[in-house]
mmCIF file of all heavy atoms, coordinates in Angstrom:
data_MODEL
# 
_entry.id   MODEL 
# 
loop_
_atom_site.group_PDB 
_atom_site.id 
_atom_site.type_symbol 
_atom_site.label_atom_id 
_atom_site.label_alt_id 
_atom_site.label_comp_id 
_atom_site.label_asym_id 
_atom_site.label_entity_id 
_atom_site.label_seq_id 
_atom_site.pdbx_PDB_ins_code 
_atom_site.Cartn_x 
_atom_site.Cartn_y 
_atom_site.Cartn_z 
_atom_site.occupancy 
_atom_site.B_iso_or_equiv 
_atom_site.pdbx_formal_charge 
_atom_site.auth_seq_id 
_atom_site.auth_comp_id 
_atom_site.auth_asym_id 
_atom_site.auth_atom_id 
_atom_site.pdbx_PDB_model_num 
ATOM 1   N N   . ASP A 1 1  ? 0.799  -1.220  0.000   1.00 0.00 ? 1  ASP A N   1 
ATOM 2   C CA  . ASP A 1 1  ? 0.000  0.000   0.000   1.00 0.00 ? 1  ASP A CA  1 
ATOM 3   C C   . ASP A 1 1  ? 0.837  1.279   0.000   1.00 0.00 ? 1  ASP A C   1 
ATOM 4   O O   . ASP A 1 1  ? 0.512  2.255   -0.677  1.00 0.00 ? 1  ASP A O   1 
ATOM 5   C CB  . ASP A 1 1  ? -0.940 0.010   1.203   1.00 0.00 ? 1  ASP A CB  1 
ATOM 6   C CG  . ASP A 1 1  ? -2.146 -0.896  1.006   1.00 0.00 ? 1  ASP A CG  1 
ATOM 7   O OD1 . ASP A 1 1  ? -2.361 -1.347  -0.137  1.00 0.00 ? 1  ASP A OD1 1 
ATOM 8   O OD2 . ASP A 1 1  ? -2.867 -1.149  1.985   1.00 0.00 ? 1  ASP A OD2 1 
ATOM 9   N N   . SER A 1 2  ? 1.921  1.285   0.748   1.00 0.00 ? 2  SER A N   1 
ATOM 10  C CA  . SER A 1 2  ? 2.680  2.535   0.921   1.00 0.00 ? 2  SER A CA  1 
ATOM 11  C C   . SER A 1 2  ? 3.420  2.970   -0.341  1.00 0.00 ? 2  SER A C   1 
ATOM 12  O O   . SER A 1 2  ? 3.892  4.107   -0.417  1.00 0.00 ? 2  SER A O   1 
ATOM 13  C CB  . SER A 1 2  ? 3.682  2.401   2.070   1.00 0.00 ? 2  SER A CB  1 
ATOM 14  O OG  . SER A 1 2  ? 4.740  1.528   1.720   1.00 0.00 ? 2  SER A OG  1 
ATOM 15  N N   . VAL A 1 3  ? 3.502  2.094   -1.343  1.00 0.00 ? 3  VAL A N   1 
ATOM 16  C CA  . VAL A 1 3  ? 4.210  2.464   -2.575  1.00 0.00 ? 3  VAL A CA  1 
ATOM 17  C C   . VAL A 1 3  ? 3.281  2.559   -3.780  1.00 0.00 ? 3  VAL A C   1 
ATOM 18  O O   . VAL A 1 3  ? 3.726  2.933   -4.874  1.00 0.00 ? 3  VAL A O   1 
ATOM 19  C CB  . VAL A 1 3  ? 5.370  1.486   -2.884  1.00 0.00 ? 3  VAL A CB  1 
ATOM 20  C CG1 . VAL A 1 3  ? 6.298  1.357   -1.693  1.00 0.00 ? 3  VAL A CG1 1 
ATOM 21  C CG2 . VAL A 1 3  ? 4.855  0.126   -3.332  1.00 0.00 ? 3  VAL A CG2 1 
ATOM 22  N N   . LYS A 1 4  ? 2.015  2.247   -3.589  1.00 0.00 ? 4  LYS A N   1 
ATOM 23  C CA  . LYS A 1 4  ? 1.062  2.325   -4.708  1.00 0.00 ? 4  LYS A CA  1 
ATOM 24  C C   . LYS A 1 4  ? 1.007  3.741   -5.263  1.00 0.00 ? 4  LYS A C   1 
ATOM 25  O O   . LYS A 1 4  ? 0.931  4.711   -4.508  1.00 0.00 ? 4  LYS A O   1 
ATOM 26  C CB  . LYS A 1 4  ? -0.331 1.898   -4.233  1.00 0.00 ? 4  LYS A CB  1 
ATOM 27  C CG  . LYS A 1 4  ? -0.516 0.406   -4.099  1.00 0.00 ? 4  LYS A CG  1 
ATOM 28  C CD  . LYS A 1 4  ? -1.935 0.064   -3.674  1.00 0.00 ? 4  LYS A CD  1 
ATOM 29  C CE  . LYS A 1 4  ? -2.123 -1.420  -3.522  1.00 0.00 ? 4  LYS A CE  1 
ATOM 30  N NZ  . LYS A 1 4  ? -3.477 -1.781  -3.045  1.00 0.00 ? 4  LYS A NZ  1 
ATOM 31  N N   . GLY A 1 5  ? 1.030  3.835   -6.578  1.00 0.00 ? 5  GLY A N   1 
ATOM 32  C CA  . GLY A 1 5  ? 0.994  5.136   -7.217  1.00 0.00 ? 5  GLY A CA  1 
ATOM 33  C C   . GLY A 1 5  ? 2.362  5.799   -7.347  1.00 0.00 ? 5  GLY A C   1 
ATOM 34  O O   . GLY A 1 5  ? 2.503  6.794   -8.061  1.00 0.00 ? 5  GLY A O   1 
ATOM 35  N N   . ARG A 1 6  ? 3.372  5.257   -6.660  1.00 0.00 ? 6  ARG A N   1 
ATOM 36  C CA  . ARG A 1 6  ? 4.730  5.834   -6.736  1.00 0.00 ? 6  ARG A CA  1 
ATOM 37  C C   . ARG A 1 6  ? 5.714  4.868   -7.385  1.00 0.00 ? 6  ARG A C   1 
ATOM 38  O O   . ARG A 1 6  ? 6.623  5.300   -8.087  1.00 0.00 ? 6  ARG A O   1 
ATOM 39  C CB  . ARG A 1 6  ? 5.231  6.186   -5.335  1.00 0.00 ? 6  ARG A CB  1 
ATOM 40  C CG  . ARG A 1 6  ? 4.377  7.208   -4.616  1.00 0.00 ? 6  ARG A CG  1 
ATOM 41  C CD  . ARG A 1 6  ? 5.059  7.695   -3.328  1.00 0.00 ? 6  ARG A CD  1 
ATOM 42  N NE  . ARG A 1 6  ? 5.281  6.615   -2.374  1.00 0.00 ? 6  ARG A NE  1 
ATOM 43  C CZ  . ARG A 1 6  ? 6.474  6.305   -1.868  1.00 0.00 ? 6  ARG A CZ  1 
ATOM 44  N NH1 . ARG A 1 6  ? 7.567  6.967   -2.256  1.00 0.00 ? 6  ARG A NH1 1 
ATOM 45  N NH2 . ARG A 1 6  ? 6.583  5.317   -0.982  1.00 0.00 ? 6  ARG A NH2 1 
ATOM 46  N N   . PHE A 1 7  ? 5.550  3.579   -7.135  1.00 0.00 ? 7  PHE A N   1 
ATOM 47  C CA  . PHE A 1 7  ? 6.461  2.567   -7.666  1.00 0.00 ? 7  PHE A CA  1 
ATOM 48  C C   . PHE A 1 7  ? 5.759  1.769   -8.759  1.00 0.00 ? 7  PHE A C   1 
ATOM 49  O O   . PHE A 1 7  ? 4.552  1.513   -8.677  1.00 0.00 ? 7  PHE A O   1 
ATOM 50  C CB  . PHE A 1 7  ? 6.895  1.598   -6.570  1.00 0.00 ? 7  PHE A CB  1 
ATOM 51  C CG  . PHE A 1 7  ? 7.800  2.179   -5.520  1.00 0.00 ? 7  PHE A CG  1 
ATOM 52  C CD1 . PHE A 1 7  ? 8.042  3.541   -5.407  1.00 0.00 ? 7  PHE A CD1 1 
ATOM 53  C CD2 . PHE A 1 7  ? 8.422  1.329   -4.596  1.00 0.00 ? 7  PHE A CD2 1 
ATOM 54  C CE1 . PHE A 1 7  ? 8.874  4.063   -4.429  1.00 0.00 ? 7  PHE A CE1 1 
ATOM 55  C CE2 . PHE A 1 7  ? 9.255  1.821   -3.612  1.00 0.00 ? 7  PHE A CE2 1 
ATOM 56  C CZ  . PHE A 1 7  ? 9.477  3.194   -3.536  1.00 0.00 ? 7  PHE A CZ  1 
ATOM 57  N N   . THR A 1 8  ? 6.540  1.347   -9.750  1.00 0.00 ? 8  THR A N   1 
ATOM 58  C CA  . THR A 1 8  ? 6.015  0.517   -10.823 1.00 0.00 ? 8  THR A CA  1 
ATOM 59  C C   . THR A 1 8  ? 6.988  -0.630  -11.092 1.00 0.00 ? 8  THR A C   1 
ATOM 60  O O   . THR A 1 8  ? 8.169  -0.397  -11.344 1.00 0.00 ? 8  THR A O   1 
ATOM 61  C CB  . THR A 1 8  ? 5.829  1.326   -12.117 1.00 0.00 ? 8  THR A CB  1 
ATOM 62  O OG1 . THR A 1 8  ? 4.957  2.428   -11.866 1.00 0.00 ? 8  THR A OG1 1 
ATOM 63  C CG2 . THR A 1 8  ? 5.238  0.449   -13.215 1.00 0.00 ? 8  THR A CG2 1 
ATOM 64  N N   . ILE A 1 9  ? 6.465  -1.840  -11.022 1.00 0.00 ? 9  ILE A N   1 
ATOM 65  C CA  . ILE A 1 9  ? 7.261  -3.012  -11.347 1.00 0.00 ? 9  ILE A CA  1 
ATOM 66  C C   . ILE A 1 9  ? 6.966  -3.417  -12.791 1.00 0.00 ? 9  ILE A C   1 
ATOM 67  O O   . ILE A 1 9  ? 5.826  -3.336  -13.250 1.00 0.00 ? 9  ILE A O   1 
ATOM 68  C CB  . ILE A 1 9  ? 6.980  -4.177  -10.365 1.00 0.00 ? 9  ILE A CB  1 
ATOM 69  C CG1 . ILE A 1 9  ? 7.961  -5.327  -10.579 1.00 0.00 ? 9  ILE A CG1 1 
ATOM 70  C CG2 . ILE A 1 9  ? 5.537  -4.650  -10.463 1.00 0.00 ? 9  ILE A CG2 1 
ATOM 71  C CD1 . ILE A 1 9  ? 7.866  -6.407  -9.501  1.00 0.00 ? 9  ILE A CD1 1 
ATOM 72  N N   . SER A 1 10 ? 8.006  -3.845  -13.497 1.00 0.00 ? 10 SER A N   1 
ATOM 73  C CA  . SER A 1 10 ? 7.832  -4.294  -14.874 1.00 0.00 ? 10 SER A CA  1 
ATOM 74  C C   . SER A 1 10 ? 8.862  -5.376  -15.162 1.00 0.00 ? 10 SER A C   1 
ATOM 75  O O   . SER A 1 10 ? 9.789  -5.592  -14.376 1.00 0.00 ? 10 SER A O   1 
ATOM 76  C CB  . SER A 1 10 ? 7.977  -3.127  -15.850 1.00 0.00 ? 10 SER A CB  1 
ATOM 77  O OG  . SER A 1 10 ? 9.277  -2.553  -15.756 1.00 0.00 ? 10 SER A OG  1 
ATOM 78  N N   . ARG A 1 11 ? 8.703  -6.036  -16.291 1.00 0.00 ? 11 ARG A N   1 
ATOM 79  C CA  . ARG A 1 11 ? 9.641  -7.089  -16.641 1.00 0.00 ? 11 ARG A CA  1 
ATOM 80  C C   . ARG A 1 11 ? 9.914  -7.069  -18.131 1.00 0.00 ? 11 ARG A C   1 
ATOM 81  O O   . ARG A 1 11 ? 9.047  -6.703  -18.930 1.00 0.00 ? 11 ARG A O   1 
ATOM 82  C CB  . ARG A 1 11 ? 9.116  -8.462  -16.213 1.00 0.00 ? 11 ARG A CB  1 
ATOM 83  C CG  . ARG A 1 11 ? 7.843  -8.923  -16.886 1.00 0.00 ? 11 ARG A CG  1 
ATOM 84  C CD  . ARG A 1 11 ? 7.251  -10.143 -16.177 1.00 0.00 ? 11 ARG A CD  1 
ATOM 85  N NE  . ARG A 1 11 ? 8.202  -11.246 -16.140 1.00 0.00 ? 11 ARG A NE  1 
ATOM 86  C CZ  . ARG A 1 11 ? 8.145  -12.230 -15.245 1.00 0.00 ? 11 ARG A CZ  1 
ATOM 87  N NH1 . ARG A 1 11 ? 7.192  -12.251 -14.321 1.00 0.00 ? 11 ARG A NH1 1 
ATOM 88  N NH2 . ARG A 1 11 ? 9.035  -13.209 -15.274 1.00 0.00 ? 11 ARG A NH2 1 
ATOM 89  N N   . ASP A 1 12 ? 11.130 -7.464  -18.478 1.00 0.00 ? 12 ASP A N   1 
ATOM 90  C CA  . ASP A 1 12 ? 11.532 -7.626  -19.869 1.00 0.00 ? 12 ASP A CA  1 
ATOM 91  C C   . ASP A 1 12 ? 12.083 -9.046  -19.981 1.00 0.00 ? 12 ASP A C   1 
ATOM 92  O O   . ASP A 1 12 ? 13.243 -9.303  -19.612 1.00 0.00 ? 12 ASP A O   1 
ATOM 93  C CB  . ASP A 1 12 ? 12.583 -6.580  -20.246 1.00 0.00 ? 12 ASP A CB  1 
ATOM 94  C CG  . ASP A 1 12 ? 12.961 -6.624  -21.715 1.00 0.00 ? 12 ASP A CG  1 
ATOM 95  O OD1 . ASP A 1 12 ? 12.829 -7.707  -22.325 1.00 0.00 ? 12 ASP A OD1 1 
ATOM 96  O OD2 . ASP A 1 12 ? 13.396 -5.598  -22.240 1.00 0.00 ? 12 ASP A OD2 1 
ATOM 97  N N   . ASN A 1 13 ? 11.271 -9.943  -20.481 1.00 0.00 ? 13 ASN A N   1 
ATOM 98  C CA  . ASN A 1 13 ? 11.675 -11.346 -20.520 1.00 0.00 ? 13 ASN A CA  1 
ATOM 99  C C   . ASN A 1 13 ? 12.763 -11.610 -21.559 1.00 0.00 ? 13 ASN A C   1 
ATOM 100 O O   . ASN A 1 13 ? 13.459 -12.630 -21.481 1.00 0.00 ? 13 ASN A O   1 
ATOM 101 C CB  . ASN A 1 13 ? 10.460 -12.228 -20.800 1.00 0.00 ? 13 ASN A CB  1 
ATOM 102 C CG  . ASN A 1 13 ? 9.492  -12.256 -19.617 1.00 0.00 ? 13 ASN A CG  1 
ATOM 103 O OD1 . ASN A 1 13 ? 9.887  -12.060 -18.462 1.00 0.00 ? 13 ASN A OD1 1 
ATOM 104 N ND2 . ASN A 1 13 ? 8.220  -12.481 -19.911 1.00 0.00 ? 13 ASN A ND2 1 
ATOM 105 N N   . VAL A 1 14 ? 12.918 -10.730 -22.519 1.00 0.00 ? 14 VAL A N   1 
ATOM 106 C CA  . VAL A 1 14 ? 14.002 -10.888 -23.495 1.00 0.00 ? 14 VAL A CA  1 
ATOM 107 C C   . VAL A 1 14 ? 15.347 -10.599 -22.822 1.00 0.00 ? 14 VAL A C   1 
ATOM 108 O O   . VAL A 1 14 ? 16.345 -11.274 -23.073 1.00 0.00 ? 14 VAL A O   1 
ATOM 109 C CB  . VAL A 1 14 ? 13.785 -9.958  -24.700 1.00 0.00 ? 14 VAL A CB  1 
ATOM 110 C CG1 . VAL A 1 14 ? 14.980 -10.004 -25.633 1.00 0.00 ? 14 VAL A CG1 1 
ATOM 111 C CG2 . VAL A 1 14 ? 12.509 -10.350 -25.436 1.00 0.00 ? 14 VAL A CG2 1 
ATOM 112 N N   . LYS A 1 15 ? 15.342 -9.600  -21.952 1.00 0.00 ? 15 LYS A N   1 
ATOM 113 C CA  . LYS A 1 15 ? 16.566 -9.229  -21.243 1.00 0.00 ? 15 LYS A CA  1 
ATOM 114 C C   . LYS A 1 15 ? 16.730 -9.949  -19.909 1.00 0.00 ? 15 LYS A C   1 
ATOM 115 O O   . LYS A 1 15 ? 17.690 -9.699  -19.182 1.00 0.00 ? 15 LYS A O   1 
ATOM 116 C CB  . LYS A 1 15 ? 16.592 -7.717  -21.013 1.00 0.00 ? 15 LYS A CB  1 
ATOM 117 C CG  . LYS A 1 15 ? 16.659 -6.902  -22.299 1.00 0.00 ? 15 LYS A CG  1 
ATOM 118 C CD  . LYS A 1 15 ? 16.720 -5.414  -22.000 1.00 0.00 ? 15 LYS A CD  1 
ATOM 119 C CE  . LYS A 1 15 ? 16.844 -4.604  -23.286 1.00 0.00 ? 15 LYS A CE  1 
ATOM 120 N NZ  . LYS A 1 15 ? 16.903 -3.144  -23.017 1.00 0.00 ? 15 LYS A NZ  1 
ATOM 121 N N   . ASN A 1 16 ? 15.780 -10.805 -19.573 1.00 0.00 ? 16 ASN A N   1 
ATOM 122 C CA  . ASN A 1 16 ? 15.827 -11.537 -18.288 1.00 0.00 ? 16 ASN A CA  1 
ATOM 123 C C   . ASN A 1 16 ? 15.939 -10.568 -17.109 1.00 0.00 ? 16 ASN A C   1 
ATOM 124 O O   . ASN A 1 16 ? 16.674 -10.830 -16.139 1.00 0.00 ? 16 ASN A O   1 
ATOM 125 C CB  . ASN A 1 16 ? 17.003 -12.515 -18.246 1.00 0.00 ? 16 ASN A CB  1 
ATOM 126 C CG  . ASN A 1 16 ? 16.943 -13.550 -19.342 1.00 0.00 ? 16 ASN A CG  1 
ATOM 127 O OD1 . ASN A 1 16 ? 15.863 -13.950 -19.764 1.00 0.00 ? 16 ASN A OD1 1 
ATOM 128 N ND2 . ASN A 1 16 ? 18.095 -13.983 -19.824 1.00 0.00 ? 16 ASN A ND2 1 
ATOM 129 N N   . THR A 1 17 ? 15.188 -9.489  -17.171 1.00 0.00 ? 17 THR A N   1 
ATOM 130 C CA  . THR A 1 17 ? 15.331 -8.419  -16.186 1.00 0.00 ? 17 THR A CA  1 
ATOM 131 C C   . THR A 1 17 ? 13.972 -7.964  -15.665 1.00 0.00 ? 17 THR A C   1 
ATOM 132 O O   . THR A 1 17 ? 13.017 -7.839  -16.433 1.00 0.00 ? 17 THR A O   1 
ATOM 133 C CB  . THR A 1 17 ? 16.082 -7.218  -16.778 1.00 0.00 ? 17 THR A CB  1 
ATOM 134 O OG1 . THR A 1 17 ? 17.369 -7.643  -17.227 1.00 0.00 ? 17 THR A OG1 1 
ATOM 135 C CG2 . THR A 1 17 ? 16.264 -6.113  -15.747 1.00 0.00 ? 17 THR A CG2 1 
ATOM 136 N N   . VAL A 1 18 ? 13.925 -7.709  -14.376 1.00 0.00 ? 18 VAL A N   1 
ATOM 137 C CA  . VAL A 1 18 ? 12.769 -7.098  -13.723 1.00 0.00 ? 18 VAL A CA  1 
ATOM 138 C C   . VAL A 1 18 ? 13.197 -5.726  -13.221 1.00 0.00 ? 18 VAL A C   1 
ATOM 139 O O   . VAL A 1 18 ? 14.310 -5.565  -12.713 1.00 0.00 ? 18 VAL A O   1 
ATOM 140 C CB  . VAL A 1 18 ? 12.281 -7.956  -12.547 1.00 0.00 ? 18 VAL A CB  1 
ATOM 141 C CG1 . VAL A 1 18 ? 11.125 -7.279  -11.827 1.00 0.00 ? 18 VAL A CG1 1 
ATOM 142 C CG2 . VAL A 1 18 ? 11.855 -9.325  -13.032 1.00 0.00 ? 18 VAL A CG2 1 
ATOM 143 N N   . TYR A 1 19 ? 12.302 -4.774  -13.350 1.00 0.00 ? 19 TYR A N   1 
ATOM 144 C CA  . TYR A 1 19 ? 12.604 -3.397  -12.965 1.00 0.00 ? 19 TYR A CA  1 
ATOM 145 C C   . TYR A 1 19 ? 11.673 -2.942  -11.846 1.00 0.00 ? 19 TYR A C   1 
ATOM 146 O O   . TYR A 1 19 ? 10.554 -3.429  -11.707 1.00 0.00 ? 19 TYR A O   1 
ATOM 147 C CB  . TYR A 1 19 ? 12.428 -2.464  -14.160 1.00 0.00 ? 19 TYR A CB  1 
ATOM 148 C CG  . TYR A 1 19 ? 13.283 -2.810  -15.340 1.00 0.00 ? 19 TYR A CG  1 
ATOM 149 C CD1 . TYR A 1 19 ? 12.753 -3.522  -16.421 1.00 0.00 ? 19 TYR A CD1 1 
ATOM 150 C CD2 . TYR A 1 19 ? 14.627 -2.443  -15.395 1.00 0.00 ? 19 TYR A CD2 1 
ATOM 151 C CE1 . TYR A 1 19 ? 13.535 -3.852  -17.520 1.00 0.00 ? 19 TYR A CE1 1 
ATOM 152 C CE2 . TYR A 1 19 ? 15.410 -2.766  -16.479 1.00 0.00 ? 19 TYR A CE2 1 
ATOM 153 C CZ  . TYR A 1 19 ? 14.870 -3.468  -17.537 1.00 0.00 ? 19 TYR A CZ  1 
ATOM 154 O OH  . TYR A 1 19 ? 15.641 -3.798  -18.617 1.00 0.00 ? 19 TYR A OH  1 
ATOM 155 N N   . LEU A 1 20 ? 12.161 -1.967  -11.095 1.00 0.00 ? 20 LEU A N   1 
ATOM 156 C CA  . LEU A 1 20 ? 11.319 -1.275  -10.131 1.00 0.00 ? 20 LEU A CA  1 
ATOM 157 C C   . LEU A 1 20 ? 11.575 0.216   -10.314 1.00 0.00 ? 20 LEU A C   1 
ATOM 158 O O   . LEU A 1 20 ? 12.631 0.723   -9.924  1.00 0.00 ? 20 LEU A O   1 
ATOM 159 C CB  . LEU A 1 20 ? 11.624 -1.701  -8.701  1.00 0.00 ? 20 LEU A CB  1 
ATOM 160 C CG  . LEU A 1 20 ? 10.688 -1.116  -7.646  1.00 0.00 ? 20 LEU A CG  1 
ATOM 161 C CD1 . LEU A 1 20 ? 9.275  -1.688  -7.809  1.00 0.00 ? 20 LEU A CD1 1 
ATOM 162 C CD2 . LEU A 1 20 ? 11.200 -1.373  -6.236  1.00 0.00 ? 20 LEU A CD2 1 
ATOM 163 N N   . GLN A 1 21 ? 10.619 0.884   -10.944 1.00 0.00 ? 21 GLN A N   1 
ATOM 164 C CA  . GLN A 1 21 ? 10.696 2.327   -11.109 1.00 0.00 ? 21 GLN A CA  1 
ATOM 165 C C   . GLN A 1 21 ? 10.117 2.981   -9.857  1.00 0.00 ? 21 GLN A C   1 
ATOM 166 O O   . GLN A 1 21 ? 8.961  2.722   -9.507  1.00 0.00 ? 21 GLN A O   1 
ATOM 167 C CB  . GLN A 1 21 ? 9.913  2.768   -12.345 1.00 0.00 ? 21 GLN A CB  1 
ATOM 168 C CG  . GLN A 1 21 ? 9.879  4.269   -12.560 1.00 0.00 ? 21 GLN A CG  1 
ATOM 169 C CD  . GLN A 1 21 ? 11.247 4.840   -12.892 1.00 0.00 ? 21 GLN A CD  1 
ATOM 170 O OE1 . GLN A 1 21 ? 11.991 4.272   -13.693 1.00 0.00 ? 21 GLN A OE1 1 
ATOM 171 N NE2 . GLN A 1 21 ? 11.590 5.973   -12.289 1.00 0.00 ? 21 GLN A NE2 1 
ATOM 172 N N   . MET A 1 22 ? 10.930 3.801   -9.215  1.00 0.00 ? 22 MET A N   1 
ATOM 173 C CA  . MET A 1 22 ? 10.517 4.432   -7.960  1.00 0.00 ? 22 MET A CA  1 
ATOM 174 C C   . MET A 1 22 ? 10.499 5.936   -8.141  1.00 0.00 ? 22 MET A C   1 
ATOM 175 O O   . MET A 1 22 ? 11.544 6.549   -8.422  1.00 0.00 ? 22 MET A O   1 
ATOM 176 C CB  . MET A 1 22 ? 11.481 4.043   -6.838  1.00 0.00 ? 22 MET A CB  1 
ATOM 177 C CG  . MET A 1 22 ? 11.646 2.533   -6.672  1.00 0.00 ? 22 MET A CG  1 
ATOM 178 S SD  . MET A 1 22 ? 12.643 2.101   -5.245  1.00 0.00 ? 22 MET A SD  1 
ATOM 179 C CE  . MET A 1 22 ? 14.224 2.796   -5.711  1.00 0.00 ? 22 MET A CE  1 
ATOM 180 N N   . ASN A 1 23 ? 9.324  6.519   -7.999  1.00 0.00 ? 23 ASN A N   1 
ATOM 181 C CA  . ASN A 1 23 ? 9.147  7.969   -8.130  1.00 0.00 ? 23 ASN A CA  1 
ATOM 182 C C   . ASN A 1 23 ? 8.687  8.562   -6.804  1.00 0.00 ? 23 ASN A C   1 
ATOM 183 O O   . ASN A 1 23 ? 8.226  7.837   -5.914  1.00 0.00 ? 23 ASN A O   1 
ATOM 184 C CB  . ASN A 1 23 ? 8.127  8.278   -9.214  1.00 0.00 ? 23 ASN A CB  1 
ATOM 185 C CG  . ASN A 1 23 ? 8.545  7.766   -10.584 1.00 0.00 ? 23 ASN A CG  1 
ATOM 186 O OD1 . ASN A 1 23 ? 9.729  7.724   -10.917 1.00 0.00 ? 23 ASN A OD1 1 
ATOM 187 N ND2 . ASN A 1 23 ? 7.567  7.372   -11.384 1.00 0.00 ? 23 ASN A ND2 1 
ATOM 188 N N   . SER A 1 24 ? 8.793  9.874   -6.702  1.00 0.00 ? 24 SER A N   1 
ATOM 189 C CA  . SER A 1 24 ? 8.349  10.590  -5.494  1.00 0.00 ? 24 SER A CA  1 
ATOM 190 C C   . SER A 1 24 ? 8.910  9.939   -4.236  1.00 0.00 ? 24 SER A C   1 
ATOM 191 O O   . SER A 1 24 ? 8.187  9.690   -3.264  1.00 0.00 ? 24 SER A O   1 
ATOM 192 C CB  . SER A 1 24 ? 6.819  10.619  -5.430  1.00 0.00 ? 24 SER A CB  1 
ATOM 193 O OG  . SER A 1 24 ? 6.278  11.221  -6.579  1.00 0.00 ? 24 SER A OG  1 
ATOM 194 N N   . LEU A 1 25 ? 10.184 9.678   -4.262  1.00 0.00 ? 25 LEU A N   1 
ATOM 195 C CA  . LEU A 1 25 ? 10.809 8.959   -3.153  1.00 0.00 ? 25 LEU A CA  1 
ATOM 196 C C   . LEU A 1 25 ? 10.788 9.779   -1.869  1.00 0.00 ? 25 LEU A C   1 
ATOM 197 O O   . LEU A 1 25 ? 10.905 11.012  -1.893  1.00 0.00 ? 25 LEU A O   1 
ATOM 198 C CB  . LEU A 1 25 ? 12.241 8.567   -3.509  1.00 0.00 ? 25 LEU A CB  1 
ATOM 199 C CG  . LEU A 1 25 ? 12.328 7.364   -4.455  1.00 0.00 ? 25 LEU A CG  1 
ATOM 200 C CD1 . LEU A 1 25 ? 13.690 7.292   -5.131  1.00 0.00 ? 25 LEU A CD1 1 
ATOM 201 C CD2 . LEU A 1 25 ? 12.045 6.083   -3.689  1.00 0.00 ? 25 LEU A CD2 1 
ATOM 202 N N   . LYS A 1 26 ? 10.633 9.055   -0.755  1.00 0.00 ? 26 LYS A N   1 
ATOM 203 C CA  . LYS A 1 26 ? 10.562 9.654   0.568   1.00 0.00 ? 26 LYS A CA  1 
ATOM 204 C C   . LYS A 1 26 ? 11.702 9.114   1.437   1.00 0.00 ? 26 LYS A C   1 
ATOM 205 O O   . LYS A 1 26 ? 12.197 8.011   1.182   1.00 0.00 ? 26 LYS A O   1 
ATOM 206 C CB  . LYS A 1 26 ? 9.231  9.299   1.221   1.00 0.00 ? 26 LYS A CB  1 
ATOM 207 C CG  . LYS A 1 26 ? 7.999  9.661   0.408   1.00 0.00 ? 26 LYS A CG  1 
ATOM 208 C CD  . LYS A 1 26 ? 6.741  9.156   1.080   1.00 0.00 ? 26 LYS A CD  1 
ATOM 209 C CE  . LYS A 1 26 ? 5.503  9.472   0.255   1.00 0.00 ? 26 LYS A CE  1 
ATOM 210 N NZ  . LYS A 1 26 ? 4.256  8.977   0.901   1.00 0.00 ? 26 LYS A NZ  1 
ATOM 211 N N   . PRO A 1 27 ? 12.097 9.841   2.464   1.00 0.00 ? 27 PRO A N   1 
ATOM 212 C CA  . PRO A 1 27 ? 13.144 9.324   3.349   1.00 0.00 ? 27 PRO A CA  1 
ATOM 213 C C   . PRO A 1 27 ? 12.820 7.934   3.904   1.00 0.00 ? 27 PRO A C   1 
ATOM 214 O O   . PRO A 1 27 ? 13.724 7.112   4.085   1.00 0.00 ? 27 PRO A O   1 
ATOM 215 C CB  . PRO A 1 27 ? 13.210 10.376  4.453   1.00 0.00 ? 27 PRO A CB  1 
ATOM 216 C CG  . PRO A 1 27 ? 12.804 11.650  3.773   1.00 0.00 ? 27 PRO A CG  1 
ATOM 217 C CD  . PRO A 1 27 ? 11.731 11.227  2.802   1.00 0.00 ? 27 PRO A CD  1 
ATOM 218 N N   . GLU A 1 28 ? 11.549 7.661   4.145   1.00 0.00 ? 28 GLU A N   1 
ATOM 219 C CA  . GLU A 1 28 ? 11.176 6.350   4.677   1.00 0.00 ? 28 GLU A CA  1 
ATOM 220 C C   . GLU A 1 28 ? 11.285 5.224   3.654   1.00 0.00 ? 28 GLU A C   1 
ATOM 221 O O   . GLU A 1 28 ? 11.088 4.055   4.007   1.00 0.00 ? 28 GLU A O   1 
ATOM 222 C CB  . GLU A 1 28 ? 9.757  6.384   5.262   1.00 0.00 ? 28 GLU A CB  1 
ATOM 223 C CG  . GLU A 1 28 ? 8.700  6.934   4.332   1.00 0.00 ? 28 GLU A CG  1 
ATOM 224 C CD  . GLU A 1 28 ? 8.415  8.415   4.565   1.00 0.00 ? 28 GLU A CD  1 
ATOM 225 O OE1 . GLU A 1 28 ? 9.390  9.186   4.782   1.00 0.00 ? 28 GLU A OE1 1 
ATOM 226 O OE2 . GLU A 1 28 ? 7.225  8.785   4.526   1.00 0.00 ? 28 GLU A OE2 1 
ATOM 227 N N   . ASP A 1 29 ? 11.603 5.543   2.411   1.00 0.00 ? 29 ASP A N   1 
ATOM 228 C CA  . ASP A 1 29 ? 11.886 4.511   1.412   1.00 0.00 ? 29 ASP A CA  1 
ATOM 229 C C   . ASP A 1 29 ? 13.329 4.031   1.490   1.00 0.00 ? 29 ASP A C   1 
ATOM 230 O O   . ASP A 1 29 ? 13.701 3.087   0.784   1.00 0.00 ? 29 ASP A O   1 
ATOM 231 C CB  . ASP A 1 29 ? 11.619 5.040   0.000   1.00 0.00 ? 29 ASP A CB  1 
ATOM 232 C CG  . ASP A 1 29 ? 10.161 5.346   -0.251  1.00 0.00 ? 29 ASP A CG  1 
ATOM 233 O OD1 . ASP A 1 29 ? 9.292  4.557   0.178   1.00 0.00 ? 29 ASP A OD1 1 
ATOM 234 O OD2 . ASP A 1 29 ? 9.865  6.392   -0.879  1.00 0.00 ? 29 ASP A OD2 1 
# 
């Protein structure tokens, strides 16, 4: 819940990679 709307998880199966895009970061992150 605390990261909804700020973080986005995605995957690229060709690159064998998972990403975590983190926006509006807070000190508690």
